[in-house]
Amino acid sequence: MTGSDIAIPDEIKALIVQEIAAFDVSGHVARGTVAAFQKALREPRRVTVNFSGGITRKCWSVTRSNGAYRVIYLPTAGYFSLCVESGFGPLDIGVHGDAIGCYASV
């Protein structure tokens, strides 16, 4: 890891804390979504993500895999992505945005 990579996990965690605090949990489904998301969270871990066209990028896994999907943070883009698990590692499927929204999209 480079010196600039060391601060990224703290930045990711701060983004997630802000997102959870701002999320409207007035409905039962929303509360359940946030609770499930929080349960799936993990310490951000560097991972190589596969993109269409054979491109790979170093990103940060922020949720545990549920066996099919996990949420990744793309530092160069500044947003989260839903990735499908594959035999070659996480594969970006084009679902991007906030972490809870990506998590809740499946």
PDB file of N, CA and C in Angstrom:
ATOM      1  N   MET A   1       0.844  -1.184   0.000  1.00  0.00           N
ATOM      2  CA  MET A   1       0.000   0.000   0.000  1.00  0.00           C
ATOM      3  C   MET A   1       0.881   1.237   0.000  1.00  0.00           C
ATOM      4  N   THR A   2       0.415   2.230  -0.687  1.00  0.00           N
ATOM      5  CA  THR A   2       1.137   3.495  -0.695  1.00  0.00           C
ATOM      6  C   THR A   2       0.672   4.338   0.485  1.00  0.00           C
ATOM      7  N   GLY A   3       1.367   5.424   0.724  1.00  0.00           N
ATOM      8  CA  GLY A   3       0.999   6.314   1.818  1.00  0.00           C
ATOM      9  C   GLY A   3      -0.414   6.846   1.690  1.00  0.00           C
ATOM     10  N   SER A   4      -0.831   7.157   0.457  1.00  0.00           N
ATOM     11  CA  SER A   4      -2.183   7.688   0.271  1.00  0.00           C
ATOM     12  C   SER A   4      -3.242   6.619   0.480  1.00  0.00           C
ATOM     13  N   ASP A   5      -2.898   5.339   0.277  1.00  0.00           N
ATOM     14  CA  ASP A   5      -3.852   4.244   0.481  1.00  0.00           C
ATOM     15  C   ASP A   5      -4.193   4.032   1.950  1.00  0.00           C
ATOM     16  N   ILE A   6      -3.292   4.428   2.833  1.00  0.00           N
ATOM     17  CA  ILE A   6      -3.493   4.199   4.258  1.00  0.00           C
ATOM     18  C   ILE A   6      -4.713   4.955   4.771  1.00  0.00           C
ATOM     19  N   ALA A   7      -4.980   6.135   4.256  1.00  0.00           N
ATOM     20  CA  ALA A   7      -6.107   6.951   4.719  1.00  0.00           C
ATOM     21  C   ALA A   7      -7.429   6.512   4.109  1.00  0.00           C
ATOM     22  N   ILE A   8      -7.408   5.762   3.025  1.00  0.00           N
ATOM     23  CA  ILE A   8      -8.647   5.417   2.321  1.00  0.00           C
ATOM     24  C   ILE A   8      -9.634   4.633   3.192  1.00  0.00           C
ATOM     25  N   PRO A   9      -9.222   3.609   3.959  1.00  0.00           N
ATOM     26  CA  PRO A   9     -10.216   2.912   4.786  1.00  0.00           C
ATOM     27  C   PRO A   9     -10.971   3.839   5.740  1.00  0.00           C
ATOM     28  N   ASP A  10     -10.269   4.796   6.347  1.00  0.00           N
ATOM     29  CA  ASP A  10     -10.941   5.745   7.248  1.00  0.00           C
ATOM     30  C   ASP A  10     -11.904   6.642   6.480  1.00  0.00           C
ATOM     31  N   GLU A  11     -11.524   7.044   5.278  1.00  0.00           N
ATOM     32  CA  GLU A  11     -12.405   7.861   4.442  1.00  0.00           C
ATOM     33  C   GLU A  11     -13.666   7.076   4.064  1.00  0.00           C
ATOM     34  N   ILE A  12     -13.493   5.814   3.716  1.00  0.00           N
ATOM     35  CA  ILE A  12     -14.635   4.966   3.357  1.00  0.00           C
ATOM     36  C   ILE A  12     -15.569   4.803   4.543  1.00  0.00           C
ATOM     37  N   LYS A  13     -15.002   4.515   5.702  1.00  0.00           N
ATOM     38  CA  LYS A  13     -15.831   4.344   6.901  1.00  0.00           C
ATOM     39  C   LYS A  13     -16.591   5.620   7.229  1.00  0.00           C
ATOM     40  N   ALA A  14     -15.961   6.780   7.059  1.00  0.00           N
ATOM     41  CA  ALA A  14     -16.637   8.057   7.311  1.00  0.00           C
ATOM     42  C   ALA A  14     -17.779   8.268   6.326  1.00  0.00           C
ATOM     43  N   LEU A  15     -17.579   7.931   5.059  1.00  0.00           N
ATOM     44  CA  LEU A  15     -18.661   8.041   4.066  1.00  0.00           C
ATOM     45  C   LEU A  15     -19.849   7.165   4.456  1.00  0.00           C
ATOM     46  N   ILE A  16     -19.562   5.959   4.903  1.00  0.00           N
ATOM     47  CA  ILE A  16     -20.631   5.026   5.275  1.00  0.00           C
ATOM     48  C   ILE A  16     -21.367   5.510   6.516  1.00  0.00           C
ATOM     49  N   VAL A  17     -20.641   6.007   7.503  1.00  0.00           N
ATOM     50  CA  VAL A  17     -21.277   6.543   8.713  1.00  0.00           C
ATOM     51  C   VAL A  17     -22.213   7.691   8.347  1.00  0.00           C
ATOM     52  N   GLN A  18     -21.768   8.600   7.477  1.00  0.00           N
ATOM     53  CA  GLN A  18     -22.605   9.724   7.039  1.00  0.00           C
ATOM     54  C   GLN A  18     -23.839   9.218   6.294  1.00  0.00           C
ATOM     55  N   GLU A  19     -23.643   8.233   5.458  1.00  0.00           N
ATOM     56  CA  GLU A  19     -24.753   7.691   4.678  1.00  0.00           C
ATOM     57  C   GLU A  19     -25.808   7.052   5.576  1.00  0.00           C
ATOM     58  N   ILE A  20     -25.370   6.258   6.547  1.00  0.00           N
ATOM     59  CA  ILE A  20     -26.304   5.618   7.473  1.00  0.00           C
ATOM     60  C   ILE A  20     -27.056   6.679   8.276  1.00  0.00           C
ATOM     61  N   ALA A  21     -26.349   7.702   8.753  1.00  0.00           N
ATOM     62  CA  ALA A  21     -26.981   8.763   9.549  1.00  0.00           C
ATOM     63  C   ALA A  21     -28.029   9.523   8.738  1.00  0.00           C
ATOM     64  N   ALA A  22     -27.802   9.676   7.449  1.00  0.00           N
ATOM     65  CA  ALA A  22     -28.726  10.439   6.602  1.00  0.00           C
ATOM     66  C   ALA A  22     -29.851   9.588   6.017  1.00  0.00           C
ATOM     67  N   PHE A  23     -29.762   8.267   6.143  1.00  0.00           N
ATOM     68  CA  PHE A  23     -30.741   7.386   5.521  1.00  0.00           C
ATOM     69  C   PHE A  23     -32.087   7.457   6.263  1.00  0.00           C
ATOM     70  N   ASP A  24     -33.163   7.589   5.522  1.00  0.00           N
ATOM     71  CA  ASP A  24     -34.506   7.655   6.102  1.00  0.00           C
ATOM     72  C   ASP A  24     -34.945   6.256   6.500  1.00  0.00           C
ATOM     73  N   VAL A  25     -34.975   5.991   7.797  1.00  0.00           N
ATOM     74  CA  VAL A  25     -35.366   4.679   8.308  1.00  0.00           C
ATOM     75  C   VAL A  25     -36.766   4.712   8.927  1.00  0.00           C
ATOM     76  N   SER A  26     -37.614   5.590   8.412  1.00  0.00           N
ATOM     77  CA  SER A  26     -38.962   5.706   8.981  1.00  0.00           C
ATOM     78  C   SER A  26     -39.833   4.500   8.654  1.00  0.00           C
ATOM     79  N   GLY A  27     -39.528   3.787   7.609  1.00  0.00           N
ATOM     80  CA  GLY A  27     -40.315   2.607   7.260  1.00  0.00           C
ATOM     81  C   GLY A  27     -39.656   1.322   7.728  1.00  0.00           C
ATOM     82  N   HIS A  28     -40.465   0.302   7.925  1.00  0.00           N
ATOM     83  CA  HIS A  28     -39.975  -1.000   8.397  1.00  0.00           C
ATOM     84  C   HIS A  28     -38.956  -1.597   7.424  1.00  0.00           C
ATOM     85  N   VAL A  29     -39.230  -1.526   6.128  1.00  0.00           N
ATOM     86  CA  VAL A  29     -38.318  -2.078   5.121  1.00  0.00           C
ATOM     87  C   VAL A  29     -36.986  -1.341   5.156  1.00  0.00           C
ATOM     88  N   ALA A  30     -37.023  -0.023   5.251  1.00  0.00           N
ATOM     89  CA  ALA A  30     -35.787   0.768   5.285  1.00  0.00           C
ATOM     90  C   ALA A  30     -34.948   0.411   6.510  1.00  0.00           C
ATOM     91  N   ARG A  31     -35.594   0.248   7.669  1.00  0.00           N
ATOM     92  CA  ARG A  31     -34.859  -0.143   8.882  1.00  0.00           C
ATOM     93  C   ARG A  31     -34.196  -1.491   8.683  1.00  0.00           C
ATOM     94  N   GLY A  32     -34.921  -2.437   8.075  1.00  0.00           N
ATOM     95  CA  GLY A  32     -34.365  -3.764   7.822  1.00  0.00           C
ATOM     96  C   GLY A  32     -33.207  -3.727   6.845  1.00  0.00           C
ATOM     97  N   THR A  33     -33.317  -2.885   5.831  1.00  0.00           N
ATOM     98  CA  THR A  33     -32.245  -2.745   4.847  1.00  0.00           C
ATOM     99  C   THR A  33     -30.976  -2.224   5.506  1.00  0.00           C
ATOM    100  N   VAL A  34     -31.110  -1.181   6.304  1.00  0.00           N
ATOM    101  CA  VAL A  34     -29.941  -0.601   6.969  1.00  0.00           C
ATOM    102  C   VAL A  34     -29.350  -1.603   7.958  1.00  0.00           C
ATOM    103  N   ALA A  35     -30.195  -2.304   8.694  1.00  0.00           N
ATOM    104  CA  ALA A  35     -29.692  -3.305   9.648  1.00  0.00           C
ATOM    105  C   ALA A  35     -28.929  -4.416   8.932  1.00  0.00           C
ATOM    106  N   ALA A  36     -29.460  -4.905   7.825  1.00  0.00           N
ATOM    107  CA  ALA A  36     -28.779  -5.952   7.058  1.00  0.00           C
ATOM    108  C   ALA A  36     -27.467  -5.437   6.476  1.00  0.00           C
ATOM    109  N   PHE A  37     -27.483  -4.200   5.986  1.00  0.00           N
ATOM    110  CA  PHE A  37     -26.277  -3.589   5.444  1.00  0.00           C
ATOM    111  C   PHE A  37     -25.208  -3.491   6.534  1.00  0.00           C
ATOM    112  N   GLN A  38     -25.587  -3.005   7.714  1.00  0.00           N
ATOM    113  CA  GLN A  38     -24.625  -2.864   8.800  1.00  0.00           C
ATOM    114  C   GLN A  38     -24.054  -4.221   9.213  1.00  0.00           C
ATOM    115  N   LYS A  39     -24.880  -5.246   9.189  1.00  0.00           N
ATOM    116  CA  LYS A  39     -24.421  -6.587   9.542  1.00  0.00           C
ATOM    117  C   LYS A  39     -23.410  -7.109   8.518  1.00  0.00           C
ATOM    118  N   ALA A  40     -23.578  -6.730   7.253  1.00  0.00           N
ATOM    119  CA  ALA A  40     -22.688  -7.197   6.178  1.00  0.00           C
ATOM    120  C   ALA A  40     -21.388  -6.404   6.095  1.00  0.00           C
ATOM    121  N   LEU A  41     -21.327  -5.246   6.754  1.00  0.00           N
ATOM    122  CA  LEU A  41     -20.120  -4.409   6.670  1.00  0.00           C
ATOM    123  C   LEU A  41     -18.895  -5.139   7.200  1.00  0.00           C
ATOM    124  N   ARG A  42     -17.765  -4.799   6.644  1.00  0.00           N
ATOM    125  CA  ARG A  42     -16.480  -5.332   7.074  1.00  0.00           C
ATOM    126  C   ARG A  42     -15.472  -4.193   7.065  1.00  0.00           C
ATOM    127  N   GLU A  43     -14.326  -4.406   7.644  1.00  0.00           N
ATOM    128  CA  GLU A  43     -13.241  -3.436   7.505  1.00  0.00           C
ATOM    129  C   GLU A  43     -12.895  -3.359   6.022  1.00  0.00           C
ATOM    130  N   PRO A  44     -12.760  -2.169   5.470  1.00  0.00           N
ATOM    131  CA  PRO A  44     -12.401  -2.072   4.052  1.00  0.00           C
ATOM    132  C   PRO A  44     -11.110  -2.843   3.764  1.00  0.00           C
ATOM    133  N   ARG A  45     -11.176  -3.635   2.705  1.00  0.00           N
ATOM    134  CA  ARG A  45     -10.043  -4.469   2.311  1.00  0.00           C
ATOM    135  C   ARG A  45      -9.765  -4.270   0.831  1.00  0.00           C
ATOM    136  N   ARG A  46      -8.501  -4.058   0.489  1.00  0.00           N
ATOM    137  CA  ARG A  46      -8.126  -3.888  -0.930  1.00  0.00           C
ATOM    138  C   ARG A  46      -8.421  -5.164  -1.692  1.00  0.00           C
ATOM    139  N   VAL A  47      -8.940  -4.978  -2.897  1.00  0.00           N
ATOM    140  CA  VAL A  47      -9.285  -6.110  -3.744  1.00  0.00           C
ATOM    141  C   VAL A  47      -9.164  -5.662  -5.201  1.00  0.00           C
ATOM    142  N   THR A  48      -8.808  -6.580  -6.056  1.00  0.00           N
ATOM    143  CA  THR A  48      -8.765  -6.289  -7.484  1.00  0.00           C
ATOM    144  C   THR A  48     -10.137  -6.583  -8.071  1.00  0.00           C
ATOM    145  N   VAL A  49     -10.723  -5.596  -8.736  1.00  0.00           N
ATOM    146  CA  VAL A  49     -12.047  -5.724  -9.336  1.00  0.00           C
ATOM    147  C   VAL A  49     -11.904  -5.785 -10.852  1.00  0.00           C
ATOM    148  N   ASN A  50     -12.675  -6.668 -11.464  1.00  0.00           N
ATOM    149  CA  ASN A  50     -12.697  -6.824 -12.920  1.00  0.00           C
ATOM    150  C   ASN A  50     -13.823  -5.984 -13.510  1.00  0.00           C
ATOM    151  N   PHE A  51     -13.499  -5.269 -14.576  1.00  0.00           N
ATOM    152  CA  PHE A  51     -14.459  -4.442 -15.296  1.00  0.00           C
ATOM    153  C   PHE A  51     -14.561  -4.961 -16.724  1.00  0.00           C
ATOM    154  N   SER A  52     -15.629  -4.587 -17.406  1.00  0.00           N
ATOM    155  CA  SER A  52     -15.785  -5.033 -18.783  1.00  0.00           C
ATOM    156  C   SER A  52     -14.594  -4.573 -19.620  1.00  0.00           C
ATOM    157  N   GLY A  53     -14.299  -5.339 -20.637  1.00  0.00           N
ATOM    158  CA  GLY A  53     -13.172  -5.013 -21.499  1.00  0.00           C
ATOM    159  C   GLY A  53     -11.842  -5.512 -20.968  1.00  0.00           C
ATOM    160  N   GLY A  54     -11.875  -6.340 -19.918  1.00  0.00           N
ATOM    161  CA  GLY A  54     -10.642  -6.893 -19.370  1.00  0.00           C
ATOM    162  C   GLY A  54      -9.856  -5.954 -18.485  1.00  0.00           C
ATOM    163  N   ILE A  55     -10.474  -4.864 -18.071  1.00  0.00           N
ATOM    164  CA  ILE A  55      -9.805  -3.877 -17.214  1.00  0.00           C
ATOM    165  C   ILE A  55      -9.900  -4.329 -15.756  1.00  0.00           C
ATOM    166  N   THR A  56      -8.831  -4.163 -15.005  1.00  0.00           N
ATOM    167  CA  THR A  56      -8.844  -4.430 -13.566  1.00  0.00           C
ATOM    168  C   THR A  56      -8.396  -3.174 -12.834  1.00  0.00           C
ATOM    169  N   ARG A  57      -8.945  -2.989 -11.639  1.00  0.00           N
ATOM    170  CA  ARG A  57      -8.597  -1.832 -10.804  1.00  0.00           C
ATOM    171  C   ARG A  57      -8.511  -2.280  -9.344  1.00  0.00           C
ATOM    172  N   LYS A  58      -7.628  -1.635  -8.601  1.00  0.00           N
ATOM    173  CA  LYS A  58      -7.561  -1.848  -7.156  1.00  0.00           C
ATOM    174  C   LYS A  58      -8.673  -1.024  -6.521  1.00  0.00           C
ATOM    175  N   CYS A  59      -9.532  -1.702  -5.781  1.00  0.00           N
ATOM    176  CA  CYS A  59     -10.674  -1.059  -5.125  1.00  0.00           C
ATOM    177  C   CYS A  59     -10.714  -1.548  -3.683  1.00  0.00           C
ATOM    178  N   TRP A  60     -11.796  -1.250  -2.993  1.00  0.00           N
ATOM    179  CA  TRP A  60     -11.928  -1.615  -1.577  1.00  0.00           C
ATOM    180  C   TRP A  60     -13.253  -2.333  -1.339  1.00  0.00           C
ATOM    181  N   SER A  61     -13.186  -3.558  -0.858  1.00  0.00           N
ATOM    182  CA  SER A  61     -14.382  -4.318  -0.495  1.00  0.00           C
ATOM    183  C   SER A  61     -14.888  -3.776   0.839  1.00  0.00           C
ATOM    184  N   VAL A  62     -16.187  -3.438   0.915  1.00  0.00           N
ATOM    185  CA  VAL A  62     -16.725  -2.863   2.161  1.00  0.00           C
ATOM    186  C   VAL A  62     -17.783  -3.746   2.810  1.00  0.00           C
ATOM    187  N   THR A  63     -18.315  -4.733   2.073  1.00  0.00           N
ATOM    188  CA  THR A  63     -19.229  -5.706   2.689  1.00  0.00           C
ATOM    189  C   THR A  63     -18.683  -7.103   2.427  1.00  0.00           C
ATOM    190  N   ARG A  64     -19.086  -8.012   3.298  1.00  0.00           N
ATOM    191  CA  ARG A  64     -18.772  -9.416   3.058  1.00  0.00           C
ATOM    192  C   ARG A  64     -19.612  -9.892   1.885  1.00  0.00           C
ATOM    193  N   SER A  65     -19.107 -10.855   1.177  1.00  0.00           N
ATOM    194  CA  SER A  65     -19.879 -11.446   0.087  1.00  0.00           C
ATOM    195  C   SER A  65     -21.035 -12.255   0.676  1.00  0.00           C
ATOM    196  N   ASN A  66     -22.184 -12.184   0.017  1.00  0.00           N
ATOM    197  CA  ASN A  66     -23.295 -13.040   0.422  1.00  0.00           C
ATOM    198  C   ASN A  66     -23.287 -14.327  -0.394  1.00  0.00           C
ATOM    199  N   GLY A  67     -22.196 -14.584  -1.087  1.00  0.00           N
ATOM    200  CA  GLY A  67     -22.058 -15.738  -1.958  1.00  0.00           C
ATOM    201  C   GLY A  67     -22.263 -15.383  -3.414  1.00  0.00           C
ATOM    202  N   ALA A  68     -22.949 -14.275  -3.657  1.00  0.00           N
ATOM    203  CA  ALA A  68     -23.204 -13.842  -5.028  1.00  0.00           C
ATOM    204  C   ALA A  68     -22.746 -12.404  -5.276  1.00  0.00           C
ATOM    205  N   TYR A  69     -22.875 -11.530  -4.268  1.00  0.00           N
ATOM    206  CA  TYR A  69     -22.594 -10.104  -4.446  1.00  0.00           C
ATOM    207  C   TYR A  69     -21.823  -9.543  -3.259  1.00  0.00           C
ATOM    208  N   ARG A  70     -21.160  -8.421  -3.508  1.00  0.00           N
ATOM    209  CA  ARG A  70     -20.592  -7.604  -2.436  1.00  0.00           C
ATOM    210  C   ARG A  70     -20.485  -6.163  -2.920  1.00  0.00           C
ATOM    211  N   VAL A  71     -20.389  -5.245  -1.971  1.00  0.00           N
ATOM    212  CA  VAL A  71     -20.270  -3.820  -2.292  1.00  0.00           C
ATOM    213  C   VAL A  71     -18.800  -3.434  -2.220  1.00  0.00           C
ATOM    214  N   ILE A  72     -18.375  -2.701  -3.228  1.00  0.00           N
ATOM    215  CA  ILE A  72     -16.989  -2.277  -3.398  1.00  0.00           C
ATOM    216  C   ILE A  72     -16.960  -0.752  -3.471  1.00  0.00           C
ATOM    217  N   TYR A  73     -15.895  -0.134  -2.966  1.00  0.00           N
ATOM    218  CA  TYR A  73     -15.681   1.294  -3.132  1.00  0.00           C
ATOM    219  C   TYR A  73     -14.621   1.506  -4.201  1.00  0.00           C
ATOM    220  N   LEU A  74     -14.923   2.362  -5.178  1.00  0.00           N
ATOM    221  CA  LEU A  74     -13.991   2.695  -6.257  1.00  0.00           C
ATOM    222  C   LEU A  74     -13.379   4.058  -5.949  1.00  0.00           C
ATOM    223  N   PRO A  75     -12.173   4.105  -5.395  1.00  0.00           N
ATOM    224  CA  PRO A  75     -11.602   5.393  -4.980  1.00  0.00           C
ATOM    225  C   PRO A  75     -11.359   6.360  -6.133  1.00  0.00           C
ATOM    226  N   THR A  76     -11.036   5.864  -7.310  1.00  0.00           N
ATOM    227  CA  THR A  76     -10.780   6.775  -8.430  1.00  0.00           C
ATOM    228  C   THR A  76     -12.059   7.428  -8.933  1.00  0.00           C
ATOM    229  N   ALA A  77     -13.205   6.764  -8.714  1.00  0.00           N
ATOM    230  CA  ALA A  77     -14.487   7.311  -9.143  1.00  0.00           C
ATOM    231  C   ALA A  77     -15.206   8.032  -8.005  1.00  0.00           C
ATOM    232  N   GLY A  78     -14.911   7.639  -6.752  1.00  0.00           N
ATOM    233  CA  GLY A  78     -15.537   8.276  -5.606  1.00  0.00           C
ATOM    234  C   GLY A  78     -16.941   7.776  -5.315  1.00  0.00           C
ATOM    235  N   TYR A  79     -17.262   6.560  -5.746  1.00  0.00           N
ATOM    236  CA  TYR A  79     -18.573   5.988  -5.437  1.00  0.00           C
ATOM    237  C   TYR A  79     -18.460   4.489  -5.205  1.00  0.00           C
ATOM    238  N   PHE A  80     -19.594   3.892  -4.815  1.00  0.00           N
ATOM    239  CA  PHE A  80     -19.653   2.473  -4.512  1.00  0.00           C
ATOM    240  C   PHE A  80     -20.208   1.716  -5.715  1.00  0.00           C
ATOM    241  N   SER A  81     -19.941   0.422  -5.739  1.00  0.00           N
ATOM    242  CA  SER A  81     -20.380  -0.432  -6.828  1.00  0.00           C
ATOM    243  C   SER A  81     -20.840  -1.769  -6.276  1.00  0.00           C
ATOM    244  N   LEU A  82     -21.852  -2.335  -6.900  1.00  0.00           N
ATOM    245  CA  LEU A  82     -22.250  -3.696  -6.591  1.00  0.00           C
ATOM    246  C   LEU A  82     -21.490  -4.611  -7.538  1.00  0.00           C
ATOM    247  N   CYS A  83     -20.804  -5.590  -6.985  1.00  0.00           N
ATOM    248  CA  CYS A  83     -20.042  -6.530  -7.803  1.00  0.00           C
ATOM    249  C   CYS A  83     -20.566  -7.938  -7.592  1.00  0.00           C
ATOM    250  N   VAL A  84     -20.578  -8.698  -8.665  1.00  0.00           N
ATOM    251  CA  VAL A  84     -20.955 -10.102  -8.604  1.00  0.00           C
ATOM    252  C   VAL A  84     -19.673 -10.911  -8.402  1.00  0.00           C
ATOM    253  N   GLU A  85     -19.774 -11.979  -7.629  1.00  0.00           N
ATOM    254  CA  GLU A  85     -18.630 -12.857  -7.419  1.00  0.00           C
ATOM    255  C   GLU A  85     -18.440 -13.718  -8.661  1.00  0.00           C
ATOM    256  N   SER A  86     -17.191 -13.911  -9.053  1.00  0.00           N
ATOM    257  CA  SER A  86     -16.894 -14.776 -10.199  1.00  0.00           C
ATOM    258  C   SER A  86     -15.651 -15.590  -9.884  1.00  0.00           C
ATOM    259  N   GLY A  87     -15.349 -16.517 -10.738  1.00  0.00           N
ATOM    260  CA  GLY A  87     -14.152 -17.312 -10.570  1.00  0.00           C
ATOM    261  C   GLY A  87     -12.879 -16.506 -10.684  1.00  0.00           C
ATOM    262  N   PHE A  88     -12.992 -15.287 -11.194  1.00  0.00           N
ATOM    263  CA  PHE A  88     -11.840 -14.404 -11.366  1.00  0.00           C
ATOM    264  C   PHE A  88     -11.824 -13.286 -10.335  1.00  0.00           C
ATOM    265  N   GLY A  89     -12.726 -13.332  -9.367  1.00  0.00           N
ATOM    266  CA  GLY A  89     -12.828 -12.272  -8.365  1.00  0.00           C
ATOM    267  C   GLY A  89     -14.048 -11.419  -8.635  1.00  0.00           C
ATOM    268  N   PRO A  90     -14.226 -10.332  -7.874  1.00  0.00           N
ATOM    269  CA  PRO A  90     -15.404  -9.478  -8.043  1.00  0.00           C
ATOM    270  C   PRO A  90     -15.457  -8.856  -9.439  1.00  0.00           C
ATOM    271  N   LEU A  91     -16.645  -8.844  -9.997  1.00  0.00           N
ATOM    272  CA  LEU A  91     -16.883  -8.298 -11.336  1.00  0.00           C
ATOM    273  C   LEU A  91     -17.897  -7.173 -11.232  1.00  0.00           C
ATOM    274  N   ASP A  92     -17.496  -5.982 -11.644  1.00  0.00           N
ATOM    275  CA  ASP A  92     -18.381  -4.810 -11.637  1.00  0.00           C
ATOM    276  C   ASP A  92     -19.535  -5.056 -12.607  1.00  0.00           C
ATOM    277  N   ILE A  93     -20.763  -4.846 -12.131  1.00  0.00           N
ATOM    278  CA  ILE A  93     -21.938  -5.074 -12.992  1.00  0.00           C
ATOM    279  C   ILE A  93     -22.658  -3.775 -13.344  1.00  0.00           C
ATOM    280  N   GLY A  94     -22.035  -2.642 -13.060  1.00  0.00           N
ATOM    281  CA  GLY A  94     -22.592  -1.366 -13.496  1.00  0.00           C
ATOM    282  C   GLY A  94     -23.635  -0.763 -12.581  1.00  0.00           C
ATOM    283  N   VAL A  95     -23.767  -1.288 -11.354  1.00  0.00           N
ATOM    284  CA  VAL A  95     -24.677  -0.693 -10.370  1.00  0.00           C
ATOM    285  C   VAL A  95     -23.808   0.172  -9.463  1.00  0.00           C
ATOM    286  N   HIS A  96     -23.905   1.497  -9.616  1.00  0.00           N
ATOM    287  CA  HIS A  96     -23.038   2.428  -8.902  1.00  0.00           C
ATOM    288  C   HIS A  96     -23.856   3.447  -8.130  1.00  0.00           C
ATOM    289  N   GLY A  97     -23.252   4.012  -7.098  1.00  0.00           N
ATOM    290  CA  GLY A  97     -23.914   5.059  -6.319  1.00  0.00           C
ATOM    291  C   GLY A  97     -23.512   4.985  -4.868  1.00  0.00           C
ATOM    292  N   ASP A  98     -24.498   5.178  -3.986  1.00  0.00           N
ATOM    293  CA  ASP A  98     -24.200   5.113  -2.559  1.00  0.00           C
ATOM    294  C   ASP A  98     -24.156   3.642  -2.117  1.00  0.00           C
ATOM    295  N   ALA A  99     -23.516   3.400  -0.981  1.00  0.00           N
ATOM    296  CA  ALA A  99     -23.280   2.035  -0.518  1.00  0.00           C
ATOM    297  C   ALA A  99     -24.585   1.299  -0.200  1.00  0.00           C
ATOM    298  N   ILE A 100     -25.500   1.938   0.529  1.00  0.00           N
ATOM    299  CA  ILE A 100     -26.758   1.273   0.889  1.00  0.00           C
ATOM    300  C   ILE A 100     -27.586   1.004  -0.348  1.00  0.00           C
ATOM    301  N   GLY A 101     -27.629   1.942  -1.274  1.00  0.00           N
ATOM    302  CA  GLY A 101     -28.375   1.742  -2.518  1.00  0.00           C
ATOM    303  C   GLY A 101     -27.850   0.582  -3.328  1.00  0.00           C
ATOM    304  N   CYS A 102     -26.529   0.466  -3.425  1.00  0.00           N
ATOM    305  CA  CYS A 102     -25.942  -0.675  -4.144  1.00  0.00           C
ATOM    306  C   CYS A 102     -26.291  -1.973  -3.428  1.00  0.00           C
ATOM    307  N   TYR A 103     -26.130  -1.973  -2.111  1.00  0.00           N
ATOM    308  CA  TYR A 103     -26.421  -3.175  -1.313  1.00  0.00           C
ATOM    309  C   TYR A 103     -27.883  -3.589  -1.475  1.00  0.00           C
ATOM    310  N   ALA A 104     -28.776  -2.621  -1.444  1.00  0.00           N
ATOM    311  CA  ALA A 104     -30.212  -2.911  -1.467  1.00  0.00           C
ATOM    312  C   ALA A 104     -30.733  -3.246  -2.857  1.00  0.00           C
ATOM    313  N   SER A 105     -29.906  -3.110  -3.872  1.00  0.00           N
ATOM    314  CA  SER A 105     -30.400  -3.340  -5.240  1.00  0.00           C
ATOM    315  C   SER A 105     -30.593  -4.810  -5.584  1.00  0.00           C
ATOM    316  N   VAL A 106     -30.146  -5.711  -4.709  1.00  0.00           N
ATOM    317  CA  VAL A 106     -30.382  -7.148  -4.939  1.00  0.00           C
ATOM    318  C   VAL A 106     -31.197  -7.744  -3.820  1.00  0.00           C
TER     319      VAL A 106
END
